[in-house]
Amino acid sequence: MFAMHEGVPGHHFQISIEYNQPEIPFARNLTNIRGFSEGWAVYAQTLGVEMNLLDQKTVQNHLLYFYLGTVIDTGINGLKWTREQANAYLVSMIGTEVNAWIDSAIAFPGQTISYTIGYDQFQSLREIAESELKDRFDIKTFHSVLLRNGKMPFPILEQQVNQYIKSAK
């Protein structure tokens, strides 16, 4: 799973495409839009199931980690939960305490949330494109639309996906 996230089709794939687009300004190549980058990498992990490289349960458990981490991060950094409150939440959800998740939320506020929101955005854009295009949906073209212009805010990416949908109809 780590290889799918960090390698191909994850970060390595995404960054390689981005750096080979001369029209993307160098300064934009240097900035990190974490929701885009990490969202793509988590989305890429789910592609491993479609390619029969990963089993669905493994990927779902990993996604569960991100979603629980989002609640923990929001609880600690937004709602000012104590460690005890965060652990009580985890015990109620998965039956055990996970201090490493809590430590991560304290040390890196918002990090897990960027993975989760980013993944949700990519998955949502795919569902919209598949729903609108039905048999005209082409996964390779769709992924090209997502990556060819580099990292960007999701409202701009959504506009590009909408243009792809309109042109493919």
N, C-alpha and C. Protein backbone atom coordinates (compact mmCIF):
# COMPACT_ATOMS: atom_id res chain seq x y z
N MET A 1 0.83 -1.19 0.00
CA MET A 1 0.00 0.00 0.00
C MET A 1 0.88 1.26 0.00
N PHE A 2 1.97 1.20 0.76
CA PHE A 2 2.90 2.32 0.83
C PHE A 2 3.44 2.65 -0.56
N ALA A 3 3.74 1.61 -1.34
CA ALA A 3 4.26 1.83 -2.69
C ALA A 3 3.24 2.52 -3.58
N MET A 4 1.97 2.17 -3.42
CA MET A 4 0.91 2.80 -4.22
C MET A 4 0.77 4.28 -3.84
N HIS A 5 0.93 4.58 -2.56
CA HIS A 5 0.79 5.95 -2.06
C HIS A 5 1.98 6.81 -2.49
N GLU A 6 3.16 6.31 -2.25
CA GLU A 6 4.38 7.11 -2.51
C GLU A 6 4.89 6.99 -3.94
N GLY A 7 4.63 5.84 -4.57
CA GLY A 7 5.18 5.58 -5.90
C GLY A 7 4.19 5.81 -7.01
N VAL A 8 3.93 4.75 -7.75
CA VAL A 8 3.01 4.80 -8.87
C VAL A 8 1.77 4.00 -8.49
N PRO A 9 0.61 4.59 -8.57
CA PRO A 9 0.22 5.85 -9.19
C PRO A 9 0.17 7.05 -8.24
N GLY A 10 0.82 7.00 -7.10
CA GLY A 10 0.74 8.04 -6.08
C GLY A 10 1.61 9.25 -6.35
N HIS A 11 2.36 9.66 -5.32
CA HIS A 11 3.14 10.90 -5.39
C HIS A 11 4.14 10.92 -6.55
N HIS A 12 4.88 9.84 -6.74
CA HIS A 12 5.89 9.84 -7.80
C HIS A 12 5.25 10.11 -9.16
N PHE A 13 4.17 9.44 -9.42
CA PHE A 13 3.44 9.60 -10.67
C PHE A 13 2.94 11.04 -10.81
N GLN A 14 2.29 11.53 -9.76
CA GLN A 14 1.71 12.87 -9.77
C GLN A 14 2.80 13.93 -9.98
N ILE A 15 3.87 13.84 -9.23
CA ILE A 15 4.93 14.85 -9.30
C ILE A 15 5.68 14.76 -10.63
N SER A 16 5.89 13.56 -11.14
CA SER A 16 6.56 13.41 -12.44
C SER A 16 5.77 14.09 -13.55
N ILE A 17 4.46 13.90 -13.55
CA ILE A 17 3.62 14.55 -14.55
C ILE A 17 3.70 16.06 -14.40
N GLU A 18 3.60 16.52 -13.17
CA GLU A 18 3.62 17.96 -12.91
C GLU A 18 4.92 18.61 -13.37
N TYR A 19 6.03 18.02 -13.05
CA TYR A 19 7.32 18.61 -13.40
C TYR A 19 7.62 18.56 -14.89
N ASN A 20 6.92 17.73 -15.62
CA ASN A 20 7.12 17.66 -17.06
C ASN A 20 6.14 18.53 -17.84
N GLN A 21 5.45 19.42 -17.16
CA GLN A 21 4.53 20.36 -17.81
C GLN A 21 5.19 21.74 -17.79
N PRO A 22 5.80 22.16 -18.88
CA PRO A 22 6.53 23.43 -18.88
C PRO A 22 5.64 24.66 -18.64
N GLU A 23 4.35 24.55 -18.90
CA GLU A 23 3.46 25.71 -18.71
C GLU A 23 3.11 25.94 -17.25
N ILE A 24 3.43 24.99 -16.38
CA ILE A 24 3.19 25.20 -14.95
C ILE A 24 4.36 26.00 -14.40
N PRO A 25 4.11 27.17 -13.84
CA PRO A 25 5.20 27.99 -13.31
C PRO A 25 6.00 27.25 -12.23
N PHE A 26 7.30 27.43 -12.25
CA PHE A 26 8.19 26.76 -11.31
C PHE A 26 7.77 27.00 -9.86
N ALA A 27 7.37 28.22 -9.56
CA ALA A 27 6.97 28.55 -8.19
C ALA A 27 5.78 27.70 -7.76
N ARG A 28 4.87 27.42 -8.68
CA ARG A 28 3.72 26.59 -8.34
C ARG A 28 4.12 25.15 -8.14
N ASN A 29 5.17 24.72 -8.84
CA ASN A 29 5.68 23.37 -8.62
C ASN A 29 6.26 23.22 -7.22
N LEU A 30 6.75 24.30 -6.67
CA LEU A 30 7.37 24.24 -5.34
C LEU A 30 6.36 24.28 -4.20
N THR A 31 5.20 24.85 -4.46
CA THR A 31 4.20 24.93 -3.39
C THR A 31 3.52 23.59 -3.21
N ASN A 32 3.08 23.36 -2.01
CA ASN A 32 2.37 22.12 -1.74
C ASN A 32 0.95 22.45 -1.32
N ILE A 33 0.02 21.96 -2.08
CA ILE A 33 -1.38 22.03 -1.69
C ILE A 33 -1.66 20.65 -1.13
N ARG A 34 -1.51 20.53 0.18
CA ARG A 34 -1.50 19.22 0.84
C ARG A 34 -2.76 18.40 0.55
N GLY A 35 -3.92 19.04 0.53
CA GLY A 35 -5.15 18.30 0.24
C GLY A 35 -5.10 17.65 -1.14
N PHE A 36 -4.54 18.37 -2.11
CA PHE A 36 -4.42 17.82 -3.46
C PHE A 36 -3.41 16.67 -3.46
N SER A 37 -2.21 16.94 -2.96
CA SER A 37 -1.13 15.95 -3.02
C SER A 37 -1.47 14.68 -2.24
N GLU A 38 -1.86 14.85 -0.99
CA GLU A 38 -2.14 13.68 -0.17
C GLU A 38 -3.47 13.04 -0.56
N GLY A 39 -4.41 13.86 -0.98
CA GLY A 39 -5.68 13.31 -1.46
C GLY A 39 -5.47 12.42 -2.67
N TRP A 40 -4.64 12.88 -3.61
CA TRP A 40 -4.33 12.05 -4.78
C TRP A 40 -3.67 10.74 -4.35
N ALA A 41 -2.73 10.81 -3.43
CA ALA A 41 -2.00 9.61 -3.02
C ALA A 41 -2.92 8.60 -2.33
N VAL A 42 -3.85 9.08 -1.51
CA VAL A 42 -4.81 8.17 -0.87
C VAL A 42 -5.76 7.60 -1.93
N TYR A 43 -6.22 8.45 -2.83
CA TYR A 43 -7.07 7.98 -3.94
C TYR A 43 -6.31 6.92 -4.75
N ALA A 44 -5.01 7.14 -4.98
CA ALA A 44 -4.20 6.19 -5.73
C ALA A 44 -4.15 4.84 -5.03
N GLN A 45 -4.12 4.85 -3.72
CA GLN A 45 -4.14 3.59 -2.97
C GLN A 45 -5.42 2.80 -3.28
N THR A 46 -6.54 3.50 -3.38
CA THR A 46 -7.79 2.80 -3.66
C THR A 46 -7.79 2.22 -5.07
N LEU A 47 -7.01 2.80 -5.96
CA LEU A 47 -6.89 2.25 -7.31
C LEU A 47 -6.23 0.87 -7.27
N GLY A 48 -5.43 0.63 -6.23
CA GLY A 48 -4.80 -0.67 -6.07
C GLY A 48 -5.82 -1.79 -5.97
N VAL A 49 -6.97 -1.52 -5.40
CA VAL A 49 -8.04 -2.52 -5.33
C VAL A 49 -8.57 -2.80 -6.74
N GLU A 50 -8.80 -1.74 -7.50
CA GLU A 50 -9.32 -1.89 -8.86
C GLU A 50 -8.34 -2.65 -9.76
N MET A 51 -7.05 -2.47 -9.48
CA MET A 51 -6.02 -3.14 -10.29
C MET A 51 -5.65 -4.52 -9.73
N ASN A 52 -6.40 -4.96 -8.71
CA ASN A 52 -6.15 -6.26 -8.06
C ASN A 52 -4.74 -6.36 -7.48
N LEU A 53 -4.21 -5.25 -7.01
CA LEU A 53 -2.90 -5.23 -6.35
C LEU A 53 -3.03 -5.19 -4.83
N LEU A 54 -4.17 -4.71 -4.35
CA LEU A 54 -4.44 -4.63 -2.92
C LEU A 54 -5.82 -5.18 -2.64
N ASP A 55 -5.99 -5.76 -1.45
CA ASP A 55 -7.32 -6.24 -1.13
C ASP A 55 -8.15 -5.11 -0.52
N GLN A 56 -9.43 -5.17 -0.75
CA GLN A 56 -10.34 -4.10 -0.35
C GLN A 56 -10.34 -3.87 1.15
N LYS A 57 -10.29 -4.93 1.93
CA LYS A 57 -10.34 -4.78 3.38
C LYS A 57 -9.13 -3.99 3.90
N THR A 58 -7.96 -4.24 3.35
CA THR A 58 -6.75 -3.51 3.75
C THR A 58 -6.91 -2.03 3.47
N VAL A 59 -7.38 -1.71 2.29
CA VAL A 59 -7.55 -0.30 1.91
C VAL A 59 -8.64 0.35 2.75
N GLN A 60 -9.74 -0.35 2.99
CA GLN A 60 -10.81 0.21 3.81
C GLN A 60 -10.32 0.47 5.24
N ASN A 61 -9.52 -0.42 5.79
CA ASN A 61 -8.97 -0.20 7.12
C ASN A 61 -8.06 1.02 7.15
N HIS A 62 -7.32 1.22 6.08
CA HIS A 62 -6.44 2.39 6.01
C HIS A 62 -7.28 3.67 5.91
N LEU A 63 -8.35 3.63 5.12
CA LEU A 63 -9.24 4.79 5.03
C LEU A 63 -9.89 5.07 6.38
N LEU A 64 -10.25 4.01 7.10
CA LEU A 64 -10.82 4.18 8.44
C LEU A 64 -9.85 4.92 9.33
N TYR A 65 -8.56 4.60 9.24
CA TYR A 65 -7.54 5.31 10.01
C TYR A 65 -7.61 6.81 9.72
N PHE A 66 -7.71 7.18 8.45
CA PHE A 66 -7.76 8.60 8.10
C PHE A 66 -9.03 9.27 8.64
N TYR A 67 -10.15 8.59 8.52
CA TYR A 67 -11.40 9.19 8.99
C TYR A 67 -11.41 9.33 10.51
N LEU A 68 -10.95 8.31 11.22
CA LEU A 68 -10.85 8.43 12.68
C LEU A 68 -9.84 9.50 13.07
N GLY A 69 -8.75 9.56 12.34
CA GLY A 69 -7.74 10.59 12.60
C GLY A 69 -8.28 11.99 12.39
N THR A 70 -9.19 12.15 11.43
CA THR A 70 -9.81 13.44 11.19
C THR A 70 -10.66 13.85 12.40
N VAL A 71 -11.40 12.92 12.95
CA VAL A 71 -12.21 13.22 14.13
C VAL A 71 -11.29 13.55 15.31
N ILE A 72 -10.24 12.77 15.51
CA ILE A 72 -9.30 13.02 16.61
C ILE A 72 -8.66 14.40 16.44
N ASP A 73 -8.20 14.70 15.23
CA ASP A 73 -7.56 15.99 14.97
C ASP A 73 -8.53 17.14 15.25
N THR A 74 -9.75 17.02 14.76
CA THR A 74 -10.75 18.06 14.99
C THR A 74 -11.08 18.18 16.47
N GLY A 75 -11.21 17.04 17.14
CA GLY A 75 -11.51 17.06 18.57
C GLY A 75 -10.41 17.74 19.37
N ILE A 76 -9.17 17.36 19.12
CA ILE A 76 -8.04 17.91 19.90
C ILE A 76 -7.79 19.37 19.55
N ASN A 77 -7.71 19.68 18.27
CA ASN A 77 -7.30 21.02 17.87
C ASN A 77 -8.44 22.01 17.70
N GLY A 78 -9.64 21.51 17.46
CA GLY A 78 -10.78 22.40 17.31
C GLY A 78 -11.66 22.49 18.55
N LEU A 79 -11.90 21.33 19.14
CA LEU A 79 -12.80 21.28 20.29
C LEU A 79 -12.05 21.22 21.62
N LYS A 80 -10.73 21.21 21.54
CA LYS A 80 -9.86 21.21 22.74
C LYS A 80 -10.06 19.97 23.61
N TRP A 81 -10.23 18.80 22.95
CA TRP A 81 -10.33 17.56 23.68
C TRP A 81 -9.04 17.30 24.45
N THR A 82 -9.17 16.62 25.55
CA THR A 82 -8.00 16.13 26.27
C THR A 82 -7.60 14.79 25.64
N ARG A 83 -6.42 14.32 26.00
CA ARG A 83 -5.98 13.00 25.54
C ARG A 83 -6.98 11.93 25.97
N GLU A 84 -7.52 12.09 27.18
CA GLU A 84 -8.48 11.12 27.69
C GLU A 84 -9.76 11.11 26.85
N GLN A 85 -10.23 12.30 26.45
CA GLN A 85 -11.43 12.36 25.61
C GLN A 85 -11.17 11.71 24.24
N ALA A 86 -9.99 11.99 23.69
CA ALA A 86 -9.65 11.40 22.39
C ALA A 86 -9.57 9.88 22.49
N ASN A 87 -8.95 9.39 23.54
CA ASN A 87 -8.86 7.94 23.72
C ASN A 87 -10.23 7.33 23.97
N ALA A 88 -11.09 8.03 24.70
CA ALA A 88 -12.44 7.52 24.93
C ALA A 88 -13.19 7.39 23.61
N TYR A 89 -13.01 8.36 22.71
CA TYR A 89 -13.61 8.27 21.39
C TYR A 89 -13.09 7.04 20.64
N LEU A 90 -11.78 6.86 20.65
CA LEU A 90 -11.20 5.72 19.94
C LEU A 90 -11.69 4.39 20.53
N VAL A 91 -11.76 4.30 21.85
CA VAL A 91 -12.26 3.08 22.48
C VAL A 91 -13.70 2.82 22.05
N SER A 92 -14.51 3.87 21.97
CA SER A 92 -15.90 3.69 21.56
C SER A 92 -16.02 3.27 20.10
N MET A 93 -15.05 3.65 19.28
CA MET A 93 -15.12 3.34 17.85
C MET A 93 -14.43 2.03 17.47
N ILE A 94 -13.24 1.80 18.03
CA ILE A 94 -12.47 0.63 17.61
C ILE A 94 -12.06 -0.28 18.77
N GLY A 95 -12.43 0.09 19.98
CA GLY A 95 -12.20 -0.77 21.12
C GLY A 95 -10.83 -0.67 21.77
N THR A 96 -10.03 0.30 21.35
CA THR A 96 -8.70 0.44 21.93
C THR A 96 -8.22 1.89 21.86
N GLU A 97 -7.28 2.22 22.72
CA GLU A 97 -6.63 3.52 22.66
C GLU A 97 -5.50 3.46 21.64
N VAL A 98 -5.24 4.60 20.99
CA VAL A 98 -4.13 4.68 20.04
C VAL A 98 -3.43 6.01 20.27
N ASN A 99 -2.49 6.00 21.21
CA ASN A 99 -1.80 7.24 21.57
C ASN A 99 -0.99 7.82 20.42
N ALA A 100 -0.51 6.97 19.52
CA ALA A 100 0.26 7.47 18.37
C ALA A 100 -0.60 8.39 17.50
N TRP A 101 -1.88 8.05 17.32
CA TRP A 101 -2.77 8.90 16.53
C TRP A 101 -2.98 10.24 17.22
N ILE A 102 -3.11 10.19 18.52
CA ILE A 102 -3.31 11.42 19.28
C ILE A 102 -2.05 12.28 19.23
N ASP A 103 -0.89 11.66 19.38
CA ASP A 103 0.37 12.39 19.29
C ASP A 103 0.53 13.04 17.92
N SER A 104 0.13 12.32 16.88
CA SER A 104 0.22 12.86 15.52
C SER A 104 -0.68 14.08 15.36
N ALA A 105 -1.89 14.03 15.91
CA ALA A 105 -2.82 15.16 15.80
C ALA A 105 -2.29 16.37 16.56
N ILE A 106 -1.60 16.13 17.66
CA ILE A 106 -1.02 17.23 18.44
C ILE A 106 0.18 17.82 17.71
N ALA A 107 1.04 16.96 17.17
CA ALA A 107 2.28 17.41 16.53
C ALA A 107 2.05 18.02 15.15
N PHE A 108 1.06 17.51 14.43
CA PHE A 108 0.83 17.95 13.05
C PHE A 108 -0.65 18.28 12.84
N PRO A 109 -1.12 19.39 13.42
CA PRO A 109 -2.55 19.73 13.28
C PRO A 109 -2.96 19.84 11.82
N GLY A 110 -4.07 19.22 11.49
CA GLY A 110 -4.63 19.33 10.14
C GLY A 110 -4.06 18.36 9.13
N GLN A 111 -3.00 17.65 9.45
CA GLN A 111 -2.39 16.77 8.46
C GLN A 111 -3.33 15.65 8.03
N THR A 112 -3.86 14.92 8.98
CA THR A 112 -4.75 13.81 8.63
C THR A 112 -6.00 14.33 7.91
N ILE A 113 -6.47 15.48 8.31
CA ILE A 113 -7.65 16.06 7.66
C ILE A 113 -7.38 16.32 6.18
N SER A 114 -6.16 16.75 5.84
CA SER A 114 -5.85 17.01 4.43
C SER A 114 -5.90 15.73 3.61
N TYR A 115 -5.47 14.61 4.18
CA TYR A 115 -5.55 13.34 3.48
C TYR A 115 -7.01 12.98 3.21
N THR A 116 -7.83 13.12 4.24
CA THR A 116 -9.23 12.70 4.17
C THR A 116 -10.03 13.59 3.23
N ILE A 117 -9.92 14.89 3.41
CA ILE A 117 -10.68 15.81 2.56
C ILE A 117 -10.20 15.69 1.12
N GLY A 118 -8.91 15.59 0.93
CA GLY A 118 -8.37 15.44 -0.43
C GLY A 118 -8.89 14.18 -1.11
N TYR A 119 -8.83 13.06 -0.39
CA TYR A 119 -9.35 11.81 -0.95
C TYR A 119 -10.83 11.96 -1.30
N ASP A 120 -11.61 12.51 -0.38
CA ASP A 120 -13.04 12.68 -0.62
C ASP A 120 -13.29 13.52 -1.87
N GLN A 121 -12.49 14.55 -2.07
CA GLN A 121 -12.67 15.41 -3.25
C GLN A 121 -12.40 14.64 -4.54
N PHE A 122 -11.28 13.90 -4.58
CA PHE A 122 -10.97 13.12 -5.78
C PHE A 122 -12.04 12.06 -6.04
N GLN A 123 -12.46 11.37 -5.00
CA GLN A 123 -13.47 10.33 -5.16
C GLN A 123 -14.80 10.93 -5.62
N SER A 124 -15.16 12.08 -5.08
CA SER A 124 -16.40 12.75 -5.46
C SER A 124 -16.36 13.19 -6.93
N LEU A 125 -15.24 13.75 -7.35
CA LEU A 125 -15.11 14.17 -8.75
C LEU A 125 -15.23 12.97 -9.68
N ARG A 126 -14.64 11.85 -9.29
CA ARG A 126 -14.76 10.64 -10.12
C ARG A 126 -16.20 10.17 -10.19
N GLU A 127 -16.89 10.14 -9.06
CA GLU A 127 -18.29 9.69 -9.04
C GLU A 127 -19.16 10.58 -9.92
N ILE A 128 -18.90 11.88 -9.88
CA ILE A 128 -19.66 12.81 -10.73
C ILE A 128 -19.39 12.52 -12.19
N ALA A 129 -18.11 12.38 -12.56
CA ALA A 129 -17.75 12.13 -13.96
C ALA A 129 -18.33 10.81 -14.44
N GLU A 130 -18.23 9.76 -13.63
CA GLU A 130 -18.79 8.46 -14.02
C GLU A 130 -20.31 8.54 -14.18
N SER A 131 -20.96 9.23 -13.28
CA SER A 131 -22.41 9.35 -13.33
C SER A 131 -22.87 10.12 -14.56
N GLU A 132 -22.17 11.20 -14.86
CA GLU A 132 -22.56 12.04 -16.00
C GLU A 132 -22.23 11.39 -17.34
N LEU A 133 -21.07 10.73 -17.40
CA LEU A 133 -20.60 10.22 -18.69
C LEU A 133 -20.98 8.78 -18.96
N LYS A 134 -21.29 8.04 -17.94
CA LYS A 134 -21.66 6.62 -18.06
C LYS A 134 -20.65 5.86 -18.92
N ASP A 135 -21.04 5.32 -20.07
CA ASP A 135 -20.11 4.52 -20.88
C ASP A 135 -19.06 5.35 -21.60
N ARG A 136 -19.20 6.67 -21.58
CA ARG A 136 -18.18 7.54 -22.18
C ARG A 136 -17.04 7.88 -21.21
N PHE A 137 -17.23 7.49 -19.95
CA PHE A 137 -16.19 7.76 -18.95
C PHE A 137 -14.95 6.94 -19.28
N ASP A 138 -13.81 7.60 -19.32
CA ASP A 138 -12.54 6.95 -19.57
C ASP A 138 -11.60 7.27 -18.40
N ILE A 139 -11.22 6.25 -17.66
CA ILE A 139 -10.43 6.45 -16.45
C ILE A 139 -9.09 7.11 -16.74
N LYS A 140 -8.44 6.75 -17.84
CA LYS A 140 -7.13 7.33 -18.16
C LYS A 140 -7.26 8.82 -18.48
N THR A 141 -8.26 9.16 -19.25
CA THR A 141 -8.49 10.58 -19.57
C THR A 141 -8.84 11.35 -18.31
N PHE A 142 -9.69 10.75 -17.49
CA PHE A 142 -10.08 11.41 -16.24
C PHE A 142 -8.85 11.68 -15.37
N HIS A 143 -7.99 10.70 -15.21
CA HIS A 143 -6.79 10.90 -14.39
C HIS A 143 -5.86 11.94 -15.02
N SER A 144 -5.80 11.97 -16.32
CA SER A 144 -5.02 13.01 -16.99
C SER A 144 -5.56 14.41 -16.67
N VAL A 145 -6.88 14.54 -16.68
CA VAL A 145 -7.51 15.82 -16.33
C VAL A 145 -7.13 16.21 -14.90
N LEU A 146 -7.11 15.25 -13.99
CA LEU A 146 -6.80 15.54 -12.60
C LEU A 146 -5.36 16.01 -12.42
N LEU A 147 -4.43 15.45 -13.18
CA LEU A 147 -3.01 15.66 -12.90
C LEU A 147 -2.26 16.56 -13.87
N ARG A 148 -2.77 16.77 -15.06
CA ARG A 148 -1.97 17.43 -16.11
C ARG A 148 -1.60 18.88 -15.81
N ASN A 149 -2.35 19.54 -14.95
CA ASN A 149 -2.05 20.94 -14.65
C ASN A 149 -1.46 21.14 -13.26
N GLY A 150 -1.03 20.07 -12.65
CA GLY A 150 -0.37 20.17 -11.36
C GLY A 150 -1.34 20.40 -10.22
N LYS A 151 -0.75 20.63 -9.06
CA LYS A 151 -1.55 20.86 -7.84
C LYS A 151 -2.33 22.16 -7.98
N MET A 152 -3.57 22.11 -7.48
CA MET A 152 -4.41 23.30 -7.55
C MET A 152 -5.52 23.19 -6.51
N PRO A 153 -6.12 24.30 -6.18
CA PRO A 153 -7.27 24.24 -5.27
C PRO A 153 -8.41 23.44 -5.90
N PHE A 154 -9.18 22.77 -5.06
CA PHE A 154 -10.23 21.89 -5.57
C PHE A 154 -11.32 22.61 -6.36
N PRO A 155 -11.71 23.83 -6.04
CA PRO A 155 -12.72 24.48 -6.90
C PRO A 155 -12.23 24.64 -8.35
N ILE A 156 -10.95 24.89 -8.54
CA ILE A 156 -10.41 25.01 -9.90
C ILE A 156 -10.36 23.63 -10.56
N LEU A 157 -9.96 22.61 -9.81
CA LEU A 157 -9.95 21.25 -10.35
C LEU A 157 -11.37 20.83 -10.74
N GLU A 158 -12.32 21.18 -9.93
CA GLU A 158 -13.72 20.84 -10.23
C GLU A 158 -14.15 21.49 -11.55
N GLN A 159 -13.73 22.74 -11.78
CA GLN A 159 -14.04 23.39 -13.06
C GLN A 159 -13.44 22.61 -14.23
N GLN A 160 -12.22 22.13 -14.06
CA GLN A 160 -11.57 21.37 -15.13
C GLN A 160 -12.28 20.04 -15.38
N VAL A 161 -12.70 19.38 -14.31
CA VAL A 161 -13.44 18.12 -14.47
C VAL A 161 -14.78 18.41 -15.16
N ASN A 162 -15.43 19.49 -14.80
CA ASN A 162 -16.70 19.85 -15.46
C ASN A 162 -16.49 20.12 -16.95
N GLN A 163 -15.37 20.75 -17.30
CA GLN A 163 -15.06 20.98 -18.72
C GLN A 163 -14.83 19.65 -19.44
N TYR A 164 -14.15 18.74 -18.77
CA TYR A 164 -13.92 17.40 -19.34
C TYR A 164 -15.26 16.71 -19.57
N ILE A 165 -16.14 16.76 -18.60
CA ILE A 165 -17.45 16.12 -18.73
C ILE A 165 -18.21 16.73 -19.91
N LYS A 166 -18.21 18.04 -19.99
CA LYS A 166 -18.94 18.74 -21.06
C LYS A 166 -18.37 18.35 -22.43
N SER A 167 -17.07 18.30 -22.55
CA SER A 167 -16.45 17.97 -23.84
C SER A 167 -16.60 16.50 -24.21
N ALA A 168 -16.74 15.64 -23.23
CA ALA A 168 -16.85 14.19 -23.50
C ALA A 168 -18.27 13.76 -23.81
N LYS A 169 -19.26 14.61 -23.52
CA LYS A 169 -20.67 14.23 -23.78
C LYS A 169 -20.99 14.24 -25.27
